[in-house]
N, C-alpha and C. Protein backbone atom coordinates (compact mmCIF):
# COMPACT_ATOMS: atom_id res chain seq x y z
N UNK A 1 -63.94 14.86 -39.25
CA UNK A 1 -62.24 14.01 -38.96
C UNK A 1 -61.05 14.62 -38.41
N UNK A 2 -60.73 15.60 -38.93
CA UNK A 2 -60.11 16.30 -38.14
C UNK A 2 -60.05 16.51 -36.49
N UNK A 3 -61.09 16.86 -36.40
CA UNK A 3 -61.45 16.79 -34.93
C UNK A 3 -61.18 15.83 -34.04
N UNK A 4 -61.26 14.44 -34.55
CA UNK A 4 -60.85 13.06 -34.26
C UNK A 4 -59.73 12.96 -33.94
N UNK A 5 -59.01 13.21 -35.01
CA UNK A 5 -57.45 13.36 -35.27
C UNK A 5 -56.79 13.63 -33.83
N UNK A 6 -57.17 14.97 -33.96
CA UNK A 6 -56.22 16.06 -32.89
C UNK A 6 -56.97 15.34 -31.46
N UNK A 7 -58.33 14.89 -31.19
CA UNK A 7 -58.09 14.32 -30.14
C UNK A 7 -57.59 13.16 -29.96
N UNK A 8 -57.00 12.31 -30.47
CA UNK A 8 -56.29 11.05 -30.30
C UNK A 8 -54.80 11.62 -29.80
N UNK A 9 -54.52 12.57 -30.37
CA UNK A 9 -53.19 13.18 -30.00
C UNK A 9 -52.92 13.60 -28.65
N UNK A 10 -54.29 14.09 -28.52
CA UNK A 10 -54.38 14.77 -27.04
C UNK A 10 -54.42 13.99 -25.76
N UNK A 11 -54.90 12.78 -26.53
CA UNK A 11 -54.65 11.53 -25.64
C UNK A 11 -53.79 10.41 -25.37
N UNK A 12 -53.13 10.51 -26.27
CA UNK A 12 -51.41 9.85 -26.04
C UNK A 12 -50.73 10.69 -25.32
N UNK A 13 -50.68 9.75 -24.26
CA UNK A 13 -49.62 10.41 -23.57
C UNK A 13 -48.73 9.20 -23.13
N UNK A 14 -47.28 9.83 -22.66
CA UNK A 14 -45.91 9.03 -22.45
C UNK A 14 -44.83 9.49 -23.62
N UNK A 15 -44.05 8.44 -23.52
CA UNK A 15 -42.93 8.85 -24.05
C UNK A 15 -42.97 7.90 -25.33
N UNK A 16 -41.83 7.89 -26.20
CA UNK A 16 -41.63 7.10 -27.40
C UNK A 16 -40.83 6.85 -27.34
N UNK A 17 -40.74 5.24 -28.61
CA UNK A 17 -39.31 4.56 -28.13
C UNK A 17 -38.30 5.27 -28.26
N UNK A 18 -38.14 5.89 -29.07
CA UNK A 18 -36.76 7.06 -29.36
C UNK A 18 -36.70 7.55 -27.71
N UNK A 19 -37.45 8.17 -27.54
CA UNK A 19 -37.31 8.86 -26.24
C UNK A 19 -36.49 8.11 -25.39
N UNK A 20 -37.17 6.97 -24.81
CA UNK A 20 -36.80 5.55 -23.88
C UNK A 20 -35.40 5.45 -24.40
N UNK A 21 -34.83 4.82 -25.45
CA UNK A 21 -33.60 4.57 -26.36
C UNK A 21 -32.65 5.67 -25.86
N UNK A 22 -33.04 6.57 -25.80
CA UNK A 22 -31.99 8.01 -25.89
C UNK A 22 -31.68 8.09 -24.46
N UNK A 23 -32.71 7.79 -23.11
CA UNK A 23 -32.92 8.15 -22.17
C UNK A 23 -31.79 6.69 -21.63
N UNK A 24 -31.94 5.74 -22.13
CA UNK A 24 -31.54 4.23 -21.44
C UNK A 24 -29.80 4.44 -21.83
N UNK A 25 -29.74 5.20 -23.09
CA UNK A 25 -28.06 5.15 -23.16
C UNK A 25 -27.83 6.06 -22.71
N UNK A 26 -28.01 7.40 -22.49
CA UNK A 26 -27.53 8.56 -21.68
C UNK A 26 -27.09 7.94 -20.10
N UNK A 27 -28.20 7.43 -19.27
CA UNK A 27 -28.32 6.63 -18.03
C UNK A 27 -26.72 5.16 -18.20
N UNK A 28 -26.96 4.77 -19.14
CA UNK A 28 -25.87 3.22 -19.37
C UNK A 28 -24.61 4.30 -19.43
N UNK A 29 -24.28 5.13 -20.05
CA UNK A 29 -22.76 6.18 -20.15
C UNK A 29 -22.46 6.24 -18.84
N UNK A 30 -23.41 7.06 -17.80
CA UNK A 30 -23.27 7.63 -16.98
C UNK A 30 -22.60 6.89 -15.91
N UNK A 31 -23.44 5.35 -15.63
CA UNK A 31 -23.28 4.39 -14.86
C UNK A 31 -21.70 3.75 -15.58
N UNK A 32 -21.59 3.51 -16.60
CA UNK A 32 -19.77 3.33 -16.85
C UNK A 32 -19.41 4.30 -16.19
N UNK A 33 -19.56 5.56 -16.52
CA UNK A 33 -18.30 6.57 -16.21
C UNK A 33 -18.32 6.47 -14.19
N UNK A 34 -19.84 5.92 -13.59
CA UNK A 34 -19.00 5.89 -12.84
C UNK A 34 -18.42 4.59 -11.97
N UNK A 35 -18.60 3.61 -13.00
CA UNK A 35 -17.71 2.60 -12.40
C UNK A 35 -16.38 2.65 -12.49
N UNK A 36 -15.94 3.21 -14.18
CA UNK A 36 -14.59 3.24 -14.01
C UNK A 36 -13.94 4.16 -12.68
N UNK A 37 -14.39 5.40 -12.49
CA UNK A 37 -14.24 6.01 -11.37
C UNK A 37 -14.15 5.04 -9.90
N UNK A 38 -14.83 4.51 -9.68
CA UNK A 38 -15.41 3.33 -8.46
C UNK A 38 -13.84 2.54 -8.75
N UNK A 39 -13.45 2.13 -9.83
CA UNK A 39 -12.02 1.10 -9.99
C UNK A 39 -10.85 2.19 -9.65
N UNK A 40 -10.85 3.22 -10.43
CA UNK A 40 -9.71 3.51 -10.09
C UNK A 40 -9.33 4.45 -8.69
N UNK A 41 -10.71 4.32 -7.94
CA UNK A 41 -10.34 4.68 -6.38
C UNK A 41 -9.92 3.64 -5.77
N UNK A 42 -10.69 2.69 -5.98
CA UNK A 42 -10.04 1.32 -4.92
C UNK A 42 -8.69 1.08 -5.41
N UNK A 43 -8.34 1.28 -6.60
CA UNK A 43 -6.69 1.25 -6.94
C UNK A 43 -5.88 2.20 -5.89
N UNK A 44 -6.36 3.32 -6.37
CA UNK A 44 -5.38 4.34 -5.36
C UNK A 44 -5.65 4.25 -3.93
N UNK A 45 -6.82 3.62 -3.50
CA UNK A 45 -6.74 3.02 -1.95
C UNK A 45 -5.87 2.23 -1.77
N UNK A 46 -5.41 1.08 -2.62
CA UNK A 46 -5.00 0.21 -2.64
C UNK A 46 -3.17 0.60 -2.54
N UNK A 47 -2.75 1.36 -3.15
CA UNK A 47 -1.74 1.82 -3.17
C UNK A 47 -1.27 2.77 -2.17
N UNK A 48 -2.30 3.51 -1.78
CA UNK A 48 -2.15 4.10 -0.62
C UNK A 48 -1.44 3.64 0.72
N UNK A 49 -2.53 2.11 0.76
CA UNK A 49 -2.59 1.11 1.97
C UNK A 49 -0.91 0.77 1.97
N UNK A 50 -0.88 0.06 0.76
CA UNK A 50 0.62 -0.64 0.80
C UNK A 50 1.66 0.75 0.89
N UNK A 51 1.87 2.03 0.72
CA UNK A 51 2.64 3.20 0.99
C UNK A 51 2.59 3.21 2.70
N UNK A 52 1.43 3.43 3.17
CA UNK A 52 1.48 3.64 4.74
C UNK A 52 1.97 2.43 5.41
N UNK A 53 1.49 1.03 4.91
CA UNK A 53 2.38 0.18 5.71
C UNK A 53 3.85 0.47 5.46
N UNK A 54 4.51 0.74 4.36
CA UNK A 54 5.95 0.83 4.20
C UNK A 54 6.74 1.76 5.30
N UNK A 55 5.60 2.86 5.65
CA UNK A 55 6.24 3.69 6.22
C UNK A 55 5.98 3.21 7.83
N UNK A 56 4.80 2.52 8.15
CA UNK A 56 4.94 2.16 9.46
C UNK A 56 6.46 0.98 9.63
N UNK A 57 6.42 0.27 8.76
CA UNK A 57 7.44 -1.16 8.95
C UNK A 57 8.96 -0.28 8.83
N UNK A 58 9.33 0.69 7.89
CA UNK A 58 10.21 1.81 8.17
C UNK A 58 10.12 2.61 9.69
N UNK A 59 9.35 2.89 10.40
CA UNK A 59 8.87 3.23 11.87
C UNK A 59 9.24 2.76 12.57
N UNK A 60 9.19 0.90 12.28
CA UNK A 60 9.30 0.00 13.48
C UNK A 60 10.78 0.06 13.54
N UNK A 61 11.15 0.14 12.31
CA UNK A 61 13.06 -0.60 12.46
C UNK A 61 13.69 0.60 12.98
N UNK A 62 13.38 1.35 12.52
CA UNK A 62 13.85 2.85 13.37
C UNK A 62 14.08 2.84 14.98
N UNK A 63 12.53 2.51 15.53
CA UNK A 63 12.53 2.56 16.95
C UNK A 63 13.20 0.97 17.60
N UNK A 64 13.33 -0.27 16.71
CA UNK A 64 14.35 -1.05 17.37
C UNK A 64 15.69 -0.70 17.41
N UNK A 65 16.19 -0.18 16.19
CA UNK A 65 17.50 0.24 16.03
C UNK A 65 18.01 0.98 16.63
N UNK A 66 17.16 2.02 17.25
CA UNK A 66 17.26 3.34 18.43
C UNK A 66 17.52 2.65 19.27
N UNK A 67 16.62 1.58 19.79
CA UNK A 67 16.94 0.97 21.08
C UNK A 67 17.59 0.03 21.54
N UNK A 68 18.29 -0.37 20.32
CA UNK A 68 19.45 -1.08 20.27
C UNK A 68 20.87 -0.45 20.75
N UNK A 69 21.66 -1.41 21.77
CA UNK A 69 22.57 -0.79 21.88
C UNK A 69 23.81 -0.11 20.91
N UNK A 70 24.52 0.76 20.93
CA UNK A 70 25.49 1.44 19.85
C UNK A 70 26.33 0.65 19.41
N UNK A 71 26.84 -0.34 20.18
CA UNK A 71 28.36 -1.05 19.52
C UNK A 71 27.28 -2.49 19.00
N UNK A 72 26.03 -2.52 18.90
CA UNK A 72 25.29 -3.97 18.03
C UNK A 72 24.42 -3.18 16.81
N UNK A 73 24.50 -1.98 16.58
CA UNK A 73 23.93 -1.53 15.17
C UNK A 73 24.58 -1.92 14.06
N UNK A 74 24.65 -2.71 13.46
CA UNK A 74 25.43 -2.51 12.24
C UNK A 74 24.62 -2.34 10.91
N UNK A 75 24.88 -2.59 9.48
CA UNK A 75 24.56 -2.97 8.49
C UNK A 75 23.56 -4.12 8.08
N UNK A 76 22.51 -4.12 7.95
CA UNK A 76 21.91 -5.73 7.59
C UNK A 76 20.30 -5.67 6.36
N UNK A 77 20.00 -6.48 6.24
CA UNK A 77 18.87 -6.59 5.61
C UNK A 77 17.86 -8.16 5.98
N UNK A 78 16.52 -7.12 5.99
CA UNK A 78 15.77 -8.73 6.20
C UNK A 78 14.83 -8.54 5.01
N UNK A 79 14.96 -9.74 4.23
CA UNK A 79 14.11 -9.79 2.89
C UNK A 79 13.11 -11.15 2.95
N UNK A 80 11.84 -10.33 2.62
CA UNK A 80 10.67 -11.11 2.38
C UNK A 80 11.10 -12.59 1.77
N UNK A 81 10.71 -13.77 1.90
CA UNK A 81 10.75 -15.14 1.50
C UNK A 81 10.05 -14.83 -0.08
N UNK A 82 10.54 -15.46 -1.28
CA UNK A 82 10.19 -15.71 -2.26
C UNK A 82 9.04 -16.66 -2.52
N UNK A 83 9.22 -17.70 -1.70
CA UNK A 83 8.12 -18.83 -1.99
C UNK A 83 7.27 -18.25 -0.45
N UNK A 84 5.77 -18.45 -1.19
CA UNK A 84 4.86 -18.07 -0.37
C UNK A 84 4.85 -18.76 0.53
N UNK A 85 4.48 -19.01 1.95
CA UNK A 85 4.43 -19.93 3.17
C UNK A 85 5.79 -20.25 3.78
N UNK A 86 6.70 -19.81 3.27
CA UNK A 86 7.84 -20.09 3.78
C UNK A 86 8.71 -18.90 4.86
N UNK A 87 9.42 -19.38 5.55
CA UNK A 87 9.97 -18.33 6.47
C UNK A 87 11.51 -17.69 5.92
N UNK A 88 11.79 -16.45 5.67
CA UNK A 88 13.12 -16.18 5.13
C UNK A 88 13.96 -16.34 6.32
N UNK A 89 15.30 -17.03 5.73
CA UNK A 89 16.22 -17.50 6.52
C UNK A 89 16.65 -16.01 7.68
N UNK A 90 17.15 -16.38 8.84
CA UNK A 90 17.77 -15.05 9.99
C UNK A 90 19.10 -14.92 9.02
N UNK A 91 19.13 -13.36 9.28
CA UNK A 91 20.36 -13.18 8.29
C UNK A 91 21.59 -12.94 9.70
N UNK A 92 22.68 -13.38 9.12
CA UNK A 92 23.80 -13.74 10.50
C UNK A 92 23.93 -12.07 11.18
N UNK A 93 23.62 -11.23 10.88
CA UNK A 93 24.03 -9.87 11.33
C UNK A 93 23.01 -9.43 12.58
N UNK A 94 21.57 -10.35 12.29
CA UNK A 94 20.48 -10.05 13.72
C UNK A 94 20.84 -11.17 14.43
N UNK A 95 21.09 -12.39 14.24
CA UNK A 95 20.89 -13.36 15.37
C UNK A 95 19.90 -13.50 16.25
N UNK A 96 19.67 -13.56 17.56
CA UNK A 96 18.63 -13.62 18.53
C UNK A 96 17.94 -12.39 18.30
N UNK A 97 18.43 -11.42 17.93
CA UNK A 97 17.43 -9.74 17.70
C UNK A 97 16.27 -9.68 16.65
N UNK A 98 16.94 -10.98 16.06
CA UNK A 98 15.42 -11.31 14.93
C UNK A 98 14.10 -10.59 15.73
N UNK A 99 13.67 -11.24 16.65
CA UNK A 99 12.55 -11.06 17.23
C UNK A 99 11.90 -9.56 17.31
N UNK A 100 13.08 -8.82 17.74
CA UNK A 100 12.44 -7.39 18.00
C UNK A 100 12.45 -6.84 16.48
N UNK A 101 12.43 -6.99 15.35
CA UNK A 101 12.76 -6.43 14.25
C UNK A 101 10.95 -6.85 13.34
N UNK A 102 10.36 -5.68 12.87
CA UNK A 102 9.24 -5.68 12.16
C UNK A 102 9.07 -7.01 11.35
N UNK A 103 8.02 -7.92 11.43
CA UNK A 103 8.23 -9.02 10.62
C UNK A 103 8.00 -8.52 9.04
N UNK A 104 8.80 -9.09 8.11
CA UNK A 104 8.88 -8.56 6.92
C UNK A 104 7.78 -8.96 5.68
N UNK A 105 7.18 -10.01 6.79
CA UNK A 105 5.58 -10.55 5.99
C UNK A 105 4.26 -9.75 6.49
N UNK A 106 4.68 -8.96 7.32
CA UNK A 106 3.00 -8.80 8.11
C UNK A 106 2.42 -7.27 6.83
N UNK A 107 1.33 -7.83 7.40
CA UNK A 107 0.22 -6.97 6.24
C UNK A 107 -0.08 -5.45 6.83
N UNK A 108 0.44 -4.91 8.41
CA UNK A 108 -0.40 -3.90 8.59
C UNK A 108 -1.40 -3.42 9.35
N UNK A 109 -2.36 -4.74 9.21
CA UNK A 109 -3.88 -4.77 9.59
C UNK A 109 -4.17 -5.75 10.40
N UNK A 110 -5.02 -5.35 11.27
CA UNK A 110 -5.37 -6.23 12.42
C UNK A 110 -6.78 -7.30 11.69
N UNK A 111 -6.65 -8.22 10.85
CA UNK A 111 -7.40 -8.81 9.95
C UNK A 111 -7.36 -10.19 10.31
N UNK A 112 -8.02 -11.01 10.71
CA UNK A 112 -8.05 -12.24 11.09
C UNK A 112 -7.85 -12.99 9.52
N UNK A 113 -6.73 -14.00 9.76
CA UNK A 113 -6.36 -14.77 8.34
C UNK A 113 -6.11 -13.80 6.98
N UNK A 114 -5.36 -12.38 7.52
CA UNK A 114 -4.93 -11.68 6.58
C UNK A 114 -3.40 -12.24 5.52
N UNK A 115 -3.54 -12.29 4.82
CA UNK A 115 -2.44 -12.71 3.77
C UNK A 115 -1.12 -11.88 3.97
N UNK A 116 0.28 -12.35 4.51
CA UNK A 116 1.35 -11.90 4.60
C UNK A 116 1.48 -10.53 3.59
N UNK A 117 2.26 -9.33 3.46
CA UNK A 117 2.50 -8.69 2.92
C UNK A 117 4.26 -8.68 3.10
N UNK A 118 5.08 -9.14 1.94
CA UNK A 118 5.93 -9.19 2.07
C UNK A 118 7.05 -7.86 1.73
N UNK A 119 7.88 -7.51 2.45
CA UNK A 119 8.62 -5.97 2.38
C UNK A 119 10.13 -6.53 2.52
N UNK A 120 11.18 -5.65 1.58
CA UNK A 120 12.37 -5.80 1.76
C UNK A 120 12.75 -4.93 2.58
N UNK A 121 13.62 -5.24 3.77
CA UNK A 121 13.98 -4.40 4.76
C UNK A 121 15.19 -4.01 4.66
N UNK A 122 16.24 -3.42 4.75
CA UNK A 122 17.50 -3.10 4.56
C UNK A 122 17.91 -1.78 5.15
N UNK A 123 19.16 -1.94 6.17
CA UNK A 123 19.75 -0.50 6.83
C UNK A 123 20.93 -0.67 6.73
N UNK A 124 21.54 0.68 6.49
CA UNK A 124 22.64 1.06 6.02
C UNK A 124 23.36 1.68 7.37
N UNK A 125 25.02 1.42 7.89
CA UNK A 125 24.90 2.24 9.05
C UNK A 125 26.41 2.63 8.61
N UNK A 126 26.40 4.19 8.64
CA UNK A 126 27.75 4.60 8.34
C UNK A 126 28.16 5.41 9.49
N UNK A 127 29.73 4.97 9.99
CA UNK A 127 29.80 5.76 11.29
C UNK A 127 30.47 7.04 10.94
N UNK A 128 29.87 7.73 11.33
CA UNK A 128 30.55 9.40 11.53
C UNK A 128 31.48 9.79 12.30
N UNK A 129 31.37 9.25 13.79
CA UNK A 129 32.52 9.65 14.40
C UNK A 129 32.32 8.53 15.42
N UNK A 130 33.35 8.42 16.22
CA UNK A 130 33.33 7.47 16.99
C UNK A 130 31.81 6.92 18.17
N UNK A 131 31.25 8.25 18.32
CA UNK A 131 30.36 8.03 19.14
C UNK A 131 28.98 8.22 18.20
N UNK A 132 28.77 8.56 17.08
CA UNK A 132 27.86 8.77 15.98
C UNK A 132 27.83 7.97 14.91
N UNK A 133 26.18 7.48 14.58
CA UNK A 133 26.41 6.71 13.27
C UNK A 133 25.26 7.47 12.52
N UNK A 134 25.36 7.40 11.19
CA UNK A 134 23.76 7.83 10.70
C UNK A 134 23.36 5.90 10.05
N UNK A 135 22.09 6.27 10.25
CA UNK A 135 21.34 4.96 10.06
C UNK A 135 20.47 5.13 8.35
N UNK A 136 20.60 4.84 7.43
CA UNK A 136 19.95 5.00 6.40
C UNK A 136 18.57 3.61 6.31
N UNK A 137 17.65 3.33 6.37
CA UNK A 137 16.58 2.46 6.47
C UNK A 137 15.91 2.36 5.26
N UNK A 138 15.80 1.47 4.08
CA UNK A 138 14.86 1.53 2.88
C UNK A 138 14.27 0.30 3.22
N UNK A 139 13.16 0.47 2.93
CA UNK A 139 11.82 -0.23 2.53
C UNK A 139 11.45 -0.82 1.58
N UNK A 140 11.52 -1.73 0.86
CA UNK A 140 11.00 -1.84 -0.51
C UNK A 140 9.71 -2.52 -0.73
N UNK A 141 8.86 -2.66 -1.55
CA UNK A 141 7.96 -2.99 -1.69
C UNK A 141 7.79 -3.82 -3.12
N UNK A 142 8.01 -5.00 -3.10
CA UNK A 142 8.45 -6.12 -4.21
C UNK A 142 7.42 -6.36 -5.05
N UNK A 143 6.36 -6.21 -4.21
CA UNK A 143 5.21 -6.50 -5.29
C UNK A 143 4.48 -5.20 -5.92
N UNK A 144 5.32 -3.93 -5.87
CA UNK A 144 4.87 -2.71 -6.43
C UNK A 144 5.15 -2.86 -7.53
N UNK A 145 4.62 -2.32 -8.78
CA UNK A 145 4.92 -2.63 -10.31
C UNK A 145 5.84 -1.11 -10.62
N UNK A 146 5.81 0.09 -9.59
CA UNK A 146 6.59 1.00 -9.97
C UNK A 146 7.95 0.89 -8.98
N UNK A 147 8.04 -0.41 -8.10
CA UNK A 147 9.35 -0.51 -7.43
C UNK A 147 9.93 0.86 -6.70
N UNK A 148 8.45 0.97 -5.79
CA UNK A 148 8.54 1.98 -4.99
C UNK A 148 8.94 2.11 -3.73
N UNK A 149 9.76 2.37 -3.25
CA UNK A 149 10.98 2.82 -1.87
C UNK A 149 10.17 3.45 -1.18
N UNK A 150 10.34 3.29 0.42
CA UNK A 150 10.57 4.36 1.43
C UNK A 150 11.73 4.13 2.31
N UNK A 151 12.03 5.67 2.43
CA UNK A 151 13.80 5.51 3.22
C UNK A 151 13.74 6.76 4.38
N UNK A 152 14.15 6.04 5.12
CA UNK A 152 14.22 7.26 6.58
C UNK A 152 15.45 7.15 6.90
N UNK A 153 16.10 8.62 7.50
CA UNK A 153 17.50 8.29 7.89
C UNK A 153 17.46 8.96 9.47
N UNK A 154 18.17 8.19 9.86
CA UNK A 154 18.31 8.39 11.56
C UNK A 154 19.73 8.58 11.68
N UNK A 155 20.06 9.07 13.20
CA UNK A 155 21.36 9.40 13.69
C UNK A 155 21.04 8.86 15.02
N UNK A 156 22.06 7.86 15.20
CA UNK A 156 22.20 7.01 16.72
C UNK A 156 23.71 7.67 17.37
N UNK A 157 23.09 8.28 18.44
CA UNK A 157 24.73 8.41 19.44
C UNK A 157 24.72 7.31 20.54
N UNK A 158 26.43 7.52 20.98
CA UNK A 158 26.66 6.69 21.71
C UNK A 158 25.84 7.67 23.12
N UNK A 159 25.70 6.50 24.06
CA UNK A 159 25.10 6.99 25.56
C UNK A 159 26.72 7.03 26.49
N UNK A 160 26.92 8.26 27.24
CA UNK A 160 28.06 8.06 28.35
C UNK A 160 27.53 7.96 29.17
């Protein structure tokens, strides 16, 4: 009888139910950890994309201000529309020059039918001398929970 019981055990191969449950639990915890890491990575990428777009808008604004005639550069602000689908009003300080400035609703990506991303663009001009102006450009992302801003300072000289 002993020999029969021993040979039955030797013939049984595979995993017990407890081993399968334990392995499934370890696999589930590992997959949940990977999913959480993926979500965190996607949020970080989205935040970095918004910051890069803000830097690009500030750079484009600086290029336009540097190309503008010295006497026409004054403090101004372009605010994104708070109502989706509507165009913000043109500030009086820009007039026809509004077409030269970056669109405050642009997303920064060349994607068909991409929704606009609003930015508030403000520049403050300080007259340091008769032929030198300091321009501080601030780009705000109103959709950012942390109210993150990007600021650039440029100097414009009068050309003689």
